[in-house]
PDB file of all heavy atoms in Angstrom:
ATOM      1  N   THR A   1      58.494 203.799  -6.826  1.00  0.00           N
ATOM      2  CA  THR A   1      59.330 204.258  -5.725  1.00  0.00           C
ATOM      3  C   THR A   1      58.601 205.275  -4.862  1.00  0.00           C
ATOM      4  O   THR A   1      58.649 205.215  -3.629  1.00  0.00           O
ATOM      5  CB  THR A   1      60.628 204.877  -6.277  1.00  0.00           C
ATOM      6  OG1 THR A   1      61.359 203.884  -7.002  1.00  0.00           O
ATOM      7  CG2 THR A   1      61.501 205.412  -5.163  1.00  0.00           C
ATOM      8  N   ALA A   2      57.925 206.215  -5.506  1.00  0.00           N
ATOM      9  CA  ALA A   2      57.191 207.240  -4.759  1.00  0.00           C
ATOM     10  C   ALA A   2      56.120 206.608  -3.876  1.00  0.00           C
ATOM     11  O   ALA A   2      55.873 207.061  -2.749  1.00  0.00           O
ATOM     12  CB  ALA A   2      56.564 208.236  -5.728  1.00  0.00           C
ATOM     13  N   ALA A   3      55.500 205.543  -4.374  1.00  0.00           N
ATOM     14  CA  ALA A   3      54.462 204.866  -3.594  1.00  0.00           C
ATOM     15  C   ALA A   3      55.021 204.268  -2.310  1.00  0.00           C
ATOM     16  O   ALA A   3      54.315 204.160  -1.294  1.00  0.00           O
ATOM     17  CB  ALA A   3      53.796 203.781  -4.437  1.00  0.00           C
ATOM     18  N   MET A   4      56.295 203.891  -2.348  1.00  0.00           N
ATOM     19  CA  MET A   4      56.919 203.308  -1.157  1.00  0.00           C
ATOM     20  C   MET A   4      56.944 204.306   0.000  1.00  0.00           C
ATOM     21  O   MET A   4      56.893 203.917   1.165  1.00  0.00           O
ATOM     22  CB  MET A   4      58.349 202.860  -1.468  1.00  0.00           C
ATOM     23  CG  MET A   4      58.479 201.783  -2.514  1.00  0.00           C
ATOM     24  SD  MET A   4      57.881 200.194  -1.931  1.00  0.00           S
ATOM     25  CE  MET A   4      58.269 199.162  -3.358  1.00  0.00           C
ATOM     26  N   THR A   5      57.033 205.591  -0.310  1.00  0.00           N
ATOM     27  CA  THR A   5      57.111 206.599   0.740  1.00  0.00           C
ATOM     28  C   THR A   5      55.770 206.805   1.431  1.00  0.00           C
ATOM     29  O   THR A   5      55.700 207.495   2.449  1.00  0.00           O
ATOM     30  CB  THR A   5      57.602 207.948   0.169  1.00  0.00           C
ATOM     31  OG1 THR A   5      56.614 208.465  -0.738  1.00  0.00           O
ATOM     32  CG2 THR A   5      58.922 207.776  -0.564  1.00  0.00           C
ATOM     33  N   GLU A   6      54.717 206.237   0.875  1.00  0.00           N
ATOM     34  CA  GLU A   6      53.388 206.373   1.465  1.00  0.00           C
ATOM     35  C   GLU A   6      53.078 205.270   2.473  1.00  0.00           C
ATOM     36  O   GLU A   6      52.088 205.353   3.199  1.00  0.00           O
ATOM     37  CB  GLU A   6      52.328 206.353   0.358  1.00  0.00           C
ATOM     38  CG  GLU A   6      52.450 207.508  -0.621  1.00  0.00           C
ATOM     39  CD  GLU A   6      51.422 207.432  -1.737  1.00  0.00           C
ATOM     40  OE1 GLU A   6      50.789 206.354  -1.884  1.00  0.00           O
ATOM     41  OE2 GLU A   6      51.220 208.434  -2.439  1.00  0.00           O
ATOM     42  N   HIS A   7      53.909 204.231   2.509  1.00  0.00           N
ATOM     43  CA  HIS A   7      53.648 203.129   3.427  1.00  0.00           C
ATOM     44  C   HIS A   7      53.896 203.568   4.867  1.00  0.00           C
ATOM     45  O   HIS A   7      54.939 204.165   5.161  1.00  0.00           O
ATOM     46  CB  HIS A   7      54.534 201.930   3.091  1.00  0.00           C
ATOM     47  CG  HIS A   7      54.258 201.368   1.728  1.00  0.00           C
ATOM     48  ND1 HIS A   7      55.186 200.624   1.027  1.00  0.00           N
ATOM     49  CD2 HIS A   7      53.165 201.422   0.940  1.00  0.00           C
ATOM     50  CE1 HIS A   7      54.684 200.259  -0.138  1.00  0.00           C
ATOM     51  NE2 HIS A   7      53.463 200.733  -0.215  1.00  0.00           N
ATOM     52  N   PRO A   8      52.982 203.288   5.768  1.00  0.00           N
ATOM     53  CA  PRO A   8      53.168 203.681   7.170  1.00  0.00           C
ATOM     54  C   PRO A   8      54.320 202.916   7.804  1.00  0.00           C
ATOM     55  O   PRO A   8      54.671 201.817   7.358  1.00  0.00           O
ATOM     56  CB  PRO A   8      51.824 203.311   7.815  1.00  0.00           C
ATOM     57  CG  PRO A   8      51.257 202.249   6.929  1.00  0.00           C
ATOM     58  CD  PRO A   8      51.703 202.595   5.539  1.00  0.00           C
ATOM     59  N   PRO A   9      54.914 203.480   8.852  1.00  0.00           N
ATOM     60  CA  PRO A   9      56.071 202.843   9.494  1.00  0.00           C
ATOM     61  C   PRO A   9      55.652 201.714  10.441  1.00  0.00           C
ATOM     62  O   PRO A   9      55.893 201.773  11.654  1.00  0.00           O
ATOM     63  CB  PRO A   9      56.731 204.005  10.239  1.00  0.00           C
ATOM     64  CG  PRO A   9      55.585 204.904  10.581  1.00  0.00           C
ATOM     65  CD  PRO A   9      54.642 204.809   9.421  1.00  0.00           C
ATOM     66  N   ASP A  10      55.019 200.693   9.899  1.00  0.00           N
ATOM     67  CA  ASP A  10      54.615 199.547  10.706  1.00  0.00           C
ATOM     68  C   ASP A  10      55.107 198.264  10.041  1.00  0.00           C
ATOM     69  O   ASP A  10      55.883 198.307   9.082  1.00  0.00           O
ATOM     70  CB  ASP A  10      53.090 199.520  10.885  1.00  0.00           C
ATOM     71  CG  ASP A  10      52.331 199.535   9.558  1.00  0.00           C
ATOM     72  OD1 ASP A  10      52.821 198.917   8.577  1.00  0.00           O
ATOM     73  OD2 ASP A  10      51.250 200.142   9.487  1.00  0.00           O
ATOM     74  N   TRP A  11      54.643 197.118  10.520  1.00  0.00           N
ATOM     75  CA  TRP A  11      55.115 195.823  10.037  1.00  0.00           C
ATOM     76  C   TRP A  11      54.112 195.128   9.127  1.00  0.00           C
ATOM     77  O   TRP A  11      54.283 193.951   8.792  1.00  0.00           O
ATOM     78  CB  TRP A  11      55.464 194.922  11.229  1.00  0.00           C
ATOM     79  CG  TRP A  11      56.752 195.318  11.871  1.00  0.00           C
ATOM     80  CD1 TRP A  11      56.936 196.268  12.821  1.00  0.00           C
ATOM     81  CD2 TRP A  11      58.047 194.800  11.556  1.00  0.00           C
ATOM     82  NE1 TRP A  11      58.268 196.383  13.133  1.00  0.00           N
ATOM     83  CE2 TRP A  11      58.976 195.482  12.387  1.00  0.00           C
ATOM     84  CE3 TRP A  11      58.514 193.822  10.676  1.00  0.00           C
ATOM     85  CZ2 TRP A  11      60.343 195.224  12.346  1.00  0.00           C
ATOM     86  CZ3 TRP A  11      59.882 193.546  10.650  1.00  0.00           C
ATOM     87  CH2 TRP A  11      60.772 194.250  11.468  1.00  0.00           C
ATOM     88  N   GLU A  12      53.087 195.828   8.700  1.00  0.00           N
ATOM     89  CA  GLU A  12      52.009 195.197   7.951  1.00  0.00           C
ATOM     90  C   GLU A  12      52.470 194.595   6.627  1.00  0.00           C
ATOM     91  O   GLU A  12      51.926 193.590   6.170  1.00  0.00           O
ATOM     92  CB  GLU A  12      50.879 196.204   7.698  1.00  0.00           C
ATOM     93  CG  GLU A  12      50.126 196.615   8.956  1.00  0.00           C
ATOM     94  CD  GLU A  12      49.511 195.420   9.668  1.00  0.00           C
ATOM     95  OE1 GLU A  12      48.898 194.574   8.987  1.00  0.00           O
ATOM     96  OE2 GLU A  12      49.665 195.322  10.896  1.00  0.00           O
ATOM     97  N   ARG A  13      53.457 195.192   5.988  1.00  0.00           N
ATOM     98  CA  ARG A  13      53.890 194.719   4.674  1.00  0.00           C
ATOM     99  C   ARG A  13      55.057 193.729   4.735  1.00  0.00           C
ATOM    100  O   ARG A  13      55.522 193.265   3.707  1.00  0.00           O
ATOM    101  CB  ARG A  13      54.304 195.918   3.804  1.00  0.00           C
ATOM    102  CG  ARG A  13      53.125 196.760   3.342  1.00  0.00           C
ATOM    103  CD  ARG A  13      53.595 197.917   2.465  1.00  0.00           C
ATOM    104  NE  ARG A  13      54.419 197.495   1.347  1.00  0.00           N
ATOM    105  CZ  ARG A  13      53.958 197.005   0.199  1.00  0.00           C
ATOM    106  NH1 ARG A  13      52.652 196.874   0.032  1.00  0.00           N
ATOM    107  NH2 ARG A  13      54.779 196.647  -0.769  1.00  0.00           N
ATOM    108  N   PHE A  14      55.501 193.402   5.938  1.00  0.00           N
ATOM    109  CA  PHE A  14      56.681 192.547   6.023  1.00  0.00           C
ATOM    110  C   PHE A  14      56.463 191.178   5.397  1.00  0.00           C
ATOM    111  O   PHE A  14      57.342 190.658   4.702  1.00  0.00           O
ATOM    112  CB  PHE A  14      57.127 192.377   7.478  1.00  0.00           C
ATOM    113  CG  PHE A  14      58.364 191.530   7.604  1.00  0.00           C
ATOM    114  CD1 PHE A  14      59.614 192.065   7.343  1.00  0.00           C
ATOM    115  CD2 PHE A  14      58.283 190.178   7.949  1.00  0.00           C
ATOM    116  CE1 PHE A  14      60.760 191.290   7.431  1.00  0.00           C
ATOM    117  CE2 PHE A  14      59.418 189.394   8.039  1.00  0.00           C
ATOM    118  CZ  PHE A  14      60.659 189.945   7.784  1.00  0.00           C
ATOM    119  N   SER A  15      55.314 190.565   5.631  1.00  0.00           N
ATOM    120  CA  SER A  15      55.078 189.225   5.091  1.00  0.00           C
ATOM    121  C   SER A  15      55.105 189.220   3.571  1.00  0.00           C
ATOM    122  O   SER A  15      55.479 188.221   2.949  1.00  0.00           O
ATOM    123  CB  SER A  15      53.746 188.671   5.595  1.00  0.00           C
ATOM    124  OG  SER A  15      52.673 189.492   5.194  1.00  0.00           O
ATOM    125  N   PHE A  16      54.747 190.355   2.950  1.00  0.00           N
ATOM    126  CA  PHE A  16      54.806 190.467   1.494  1.00  0.00           C
ATOM    127  C   PHE A  16      56.252 190.663   1.037  1.00  0.00           C
ATOM    128  O   PHE A  16      56.723 189.989   0.113  1.00  0.00           O
ATOM    129  CB  PHE A  16      53.940 191.636   1.021  1.00  0.00           C
ATOM    130  CG  PHE A  16      54.104 191.963  -0.436  1.00  0.00           C
ATOM    131  CD1 PHE A  16      53.550 191.154  -1.413  1.00  0.00           C
ATOM    132  CD2 PHE A  16      54.828 193.084  -0.834  1.00  0.00           C
ATOM    133  CE1 PHE A  16      53.709 191.449  -2.758  1.00  0.00           C
ATOM    134  CE2 PHE A  16      54.992 193.383  -2.170  1.00  0.00           C
ATOM    135  CZ  PHE A  16      54.429 192.563  -3.143  1.00  0.00           C
ATOM    136  N   ILE A  17      56.967 191.555   1.702  1.00  0.00           N
ATOM    137  CA  ILE A  17      58.346 191.860   1.327  1.00  0.00           C
ATOM    138  C   ILE A  17      59.248 190.640   1.504  1.00  0.00           C
ATOM    139  O   ILE A  17      60.133 190.380   0.677  1.00  0.00           O
ATOM    140  CB  ILE A  17      58.886 193.035   2.168  1.00  0.00           C
ATOM    141  CG1 ILE A  17      58.074 194.305   1.904  1.00  0.00           C
ATOM    142  CG2 ILE A  17      60.369 193.275   1.883  1.00  0.00           C
ATOM    143  CD1 ILE A  17      58.150 194.822   0.494  1.00  0.00           C
ATOM    144  N   ALA A  18      59.024 189.899   2.562  1.00  0.00           N
ATOM    145  CA  ALA A  18      59.904 188.771   2.905  1.00  0.00           C
ATOM    146  C   ALA A  18      59.277 187.424   2.562  1.00  0.00           C
ATOM    147  O   ALA A  18      59.676 186.401   3.130  1.00  0.00           O
ATOM    148  CB  ALA A  18      60.257 188.823   4.381  1.00  0.00           C
ATOM    149  N   SER A  19      58.354 187.398   1.640  1.00  0.00           N
ATOM    150  CA  SER A  19      57.607 186.166   1.352  1.00  0.00           C
ATOM    151  C   SER A  19      58.517 185.006   0.970  1.00  0.00           C
ATOM    152  O   SER A  19      58.309 183.862   1.408  1.00  0.00           O
ATOM    153  CB  SER A  19      56.580 186.415   0.244  1.00  0.00           C
ATOM    154  OG  SER A  19      57.225 186.858  -0.946  1.00  0.00           O
ATOM    155  N   ARG A  20      59.547 185.268   0.155  1.00  0.00           N
ATOM    156  CA  ARG A  20      60.445 184.199  -0.277  1.00  0.00           C
ATOM    157  C   ARG A  20      61.175 183.585   0.913  1.00  0.00           C
ATOM    158  O   ARG A  20      61.320 182.361   1.010  1.00  0.00           O
ATOM    159  CB  ARG A  20      61.449 184.733  -1.307  1.00  0.00           C
ATOM    160  CG  ARG A  20      62.453 183.694  -1.790  1.00  0.00           C
ATOM    161  CD  ARG A  20      63.230 184.220  -2.988  1.00  0.00           C
ATOM    162  NE  ARG A  20      64.005 185.397  -2.662  1.00  0.00           N
ATOM    163  CZ  ARG A  20      65.256 185.371  -2.184  1.00  0.00           C
ATOM    164  NH1 ARG A  20      65.835 184.188  -1.952  1.00  0.00           N
ATOM    165  NH2 ARG A  20      65.916 186.470  -1.948  1.00  0.00           N
ATOM    166  N   HIS A  21      61.628 184.427   1.832  1.00  0.00           N
ATOM    167  CA  HIS A  21      62.360 183.930   2.990  1.00  0.00           C
ATOM    168  C   HIS A  21      61.425 183.236   3.981  1.00  0.00           C
ATOM    169  O   HIS A  21      61.827 182.271   4.653  1.00  0.00           O
ATOM    170  CB  HIS A  21      63.102 185.077   3.666  1.00  0.00           C
ATOM    171  CG  HIS A  21      64.142 185.698   2.793  1.00  0.00           C
ATOM    172  ND1 HIS A  21      65.344 185.079   2.511  1.00  0.00           N
ATOM    173  CD2 HIS A  21      64.156 186.872   2.101  1.00  0.00           C
ATOM    174  CE1 HIS A  21      66.058 185.853   1.708  1.00  0.00           C
ATOM    175  NE2 HIS A  21      65.363 186.936   1.448  1.00  0.00           N
ATOM    176  N   LEU A  22      60.205 183.697   4.066  1.00  0.00           N
ATOM    177  CA  LEU A  22      59.232 183.038   4.928  1.00  0.00           C
ATOM    178  C   LEU A  22      58.932 181.632   4.421  1.00  0.00           C
ATOM    179  O   LEU A  22      58.859 180.672   5.204  1.00  0.00           O
ATOM    180  CB  LEU A  22      57.945 183.867   4.997  1.00  0.00           C
ATOM    181  CG  LEU A  22      58.044 185.174   5.802  1.00  0.00           C
ATOM    182  CD1 LEU A  22      56.830 186.051   5.547  1.00  0.00           C
ATOM    183  CD2 LEU A  22      58.177 184.880   7.294  1.00  0.00           C
ATOM    184  N   LYS A  23      58.781 181.493   3.113  1.00  0.00           N
ATOM    185  CA  LYS A  23      58.530 180.174   2.539  1.00  0.00           C
ATOM    186  C   LYS A  23      59.713 179.239   2.767  1.00  0.00           C
ATOM    187  O   LYS A  23      59.537 178.059   3.053  1.00  0.00           O
ATOM    188  CB  LYS A  23      58.235 180.309   1.045  1.00  0.00           C
ATOM    189  CG  LYS A  23      56.888 180.946   0.734  1.00  0.00           C
ATOM    190  CD  LYS A  23      56.657 181.068  -0.760  1.00  0.00           C
ATOM    191  CE  LYS A  23      55.304 181.709  -1.047  1.00  0.00           C
ATOM    192  NZ  LYS A  23      55.070 181.888  -2.514  1.00  0.00           N
ATOM    193  N   SER A  24      60.928 179.779   2.633  1.00  0.00           N
ATOM    194  CA  SER A  24      62.127 178.970   2.866  1.00  0.00           C
ATOM    195  C   SER A  24      62.182 178.460   4.301  1.00  0.00           C
ATOM    196  O   SER A  24      62.737 177.392   4.574  1.00  0.00           O
ATOM    197  CB  SER A  24      63.387 179.785   2.565  1.00  0.00           C
ATOM    198  OG  SER A  24      63.452 180.131   1.203  1.00  0.00           O
ATOM    199  N   ALA A  25      61.596 179.241   5.217  1.00  0.00           N
ATOM    200  CA  ALA A  25      61.557 178.846   6.626  1.00  0.00           C
ATOM    201  C   ALA A  25      60.338 177.991   6.946  1.00  0.00           C
ATOM    202  O   ALA A  25      60.090 177.667   8.111  1.00  0.00           O
ATOM    203  CB  ALA A  25      61.586 180.088   7.512  1.00  0.00           C
ATOM    204  N   GLY A  26      59.563 177.640   5.913  1.00  0.00           N
ATOM    205  CA  GLY A  26      58.396 176.781   6.108  1.00  0.00           C
ATOM    206  C   GLY A  26      57.167 177.504   6.615  1.00  0.00           C
ATOM    207  O   GLY A  26      56.229 176.868   7.119  1.00  0.00           O
ATOM    208  N   ILE A  27      57.151 178.817   6.480  1.00  0.00           N
ATOM    209  CA  ILE A  27      56.012 179.615   6.957  1.00  0.00           C
ATOM    210  C   ILE A  27      55.178 180.040   5.752  1.00  0.00           C
ATOM    211  O   ILE A  27      55.533 180.994   5.039  1.00  0.00           O
ATOM    212  CB  ILE A  27      56.496 180.848   7.737  1.00  0.00           C
ATOM    213  CG1 ILE A  27      57.409 180.421   8.886  1.00  0.00           C
ATOM    214  CG2 ILE A  27      55.315 181.658   8.261  1.00  0.00           C
ATOM    215  CD1 ILE A  27      58.127 181.560   9.562  1.00  0.00           C
ATOM    216  N   GLU A  28      54.092 179.341   5.501  1.00  0.00           N
ATOM    217  CA  GLU A  28      53.276 179.625   4.319  1.00  0.00           C
ATOM    218  C   GLU A  28      51.792 179.747   4.623  1.00  0.00           C
ATOM    219  O   GLU A  28      51.079 180.488   3.951  1.00  0.00           O
ATOM    220  CB  GLU A  28      53.475 178.515   3.269  1.00  0.00           C
ATOM    221  CG  GLU A  28      54.887 178.423   2.726  1.00  0.00           C
ATOM    222  CD  GLU A  28      55.000 177.439   1.570  1.00  0.00           C
ATOM    223  OE1 GLU A  28      54.361 177.684   0.534  1.00  0.00           O
ATOM    224  OE2 GLU A  28      55.721 176.427   1.713  1.00  0.00           O
ATOM    225  N   SER A  29      51.310 179.023   5.610  1.00  0.00           N
ATOM    226  CA  SER A  29      49.879 179.037   5.895  1.00  0.00           C
ATOM    227  C   SER A  29      49.477 180.352   6.554  1.00  0.00           C
ATOM    228  O   SER A  29      50.318 181.074   7.113  1.00  0.00           O
ATOM    229  CB  SER A  29      49.508 177.882   6.826  1.00  0.00           C
ATOM    230  OG  SER A  29      50.068 178.080   8.116  1.00  0.00           O
ATOM    231  N   GLU A  30      48.203 180.658   6.488  1.00  0.00           N
ATOM    232  CA  GLU A  30      47.698 181.885   7.107  1.00  0.00           C
ATOM    233  C   GLU A  30      47.950 181.872   8.610  1.00  0.00           C
ATOM    234  O   GLU A  30      48.336 182.887   9.202  1.00  0.00           O
ATOM    235  CB  GLU A  30      46.205 182.026   6.824  1.00  0.00           C
ATOM    236  CG  GLU A  30      45.607 183.324   7.327  1.00  0.00           C
ATOM    237  CD  GLU A  30      44.152 183.486   6.920  1.00  0.00           C
ATOM    238  OE1 GLU A  30      43.743 182.886   5.914  1.00  0.00           O
ATOM    239  OE2 GLU A  30      43.437 184.222   7.621  1.00  0.00           O
TER     240      GLU A  30
END
């Protein structure tokens, strides 16, 4: 949890956080 507070306020981690939903939408390739 503490490590989460170190993440910068940008969108860089979104693809990791939302990976399941991205795959469901057919978004998997680089």
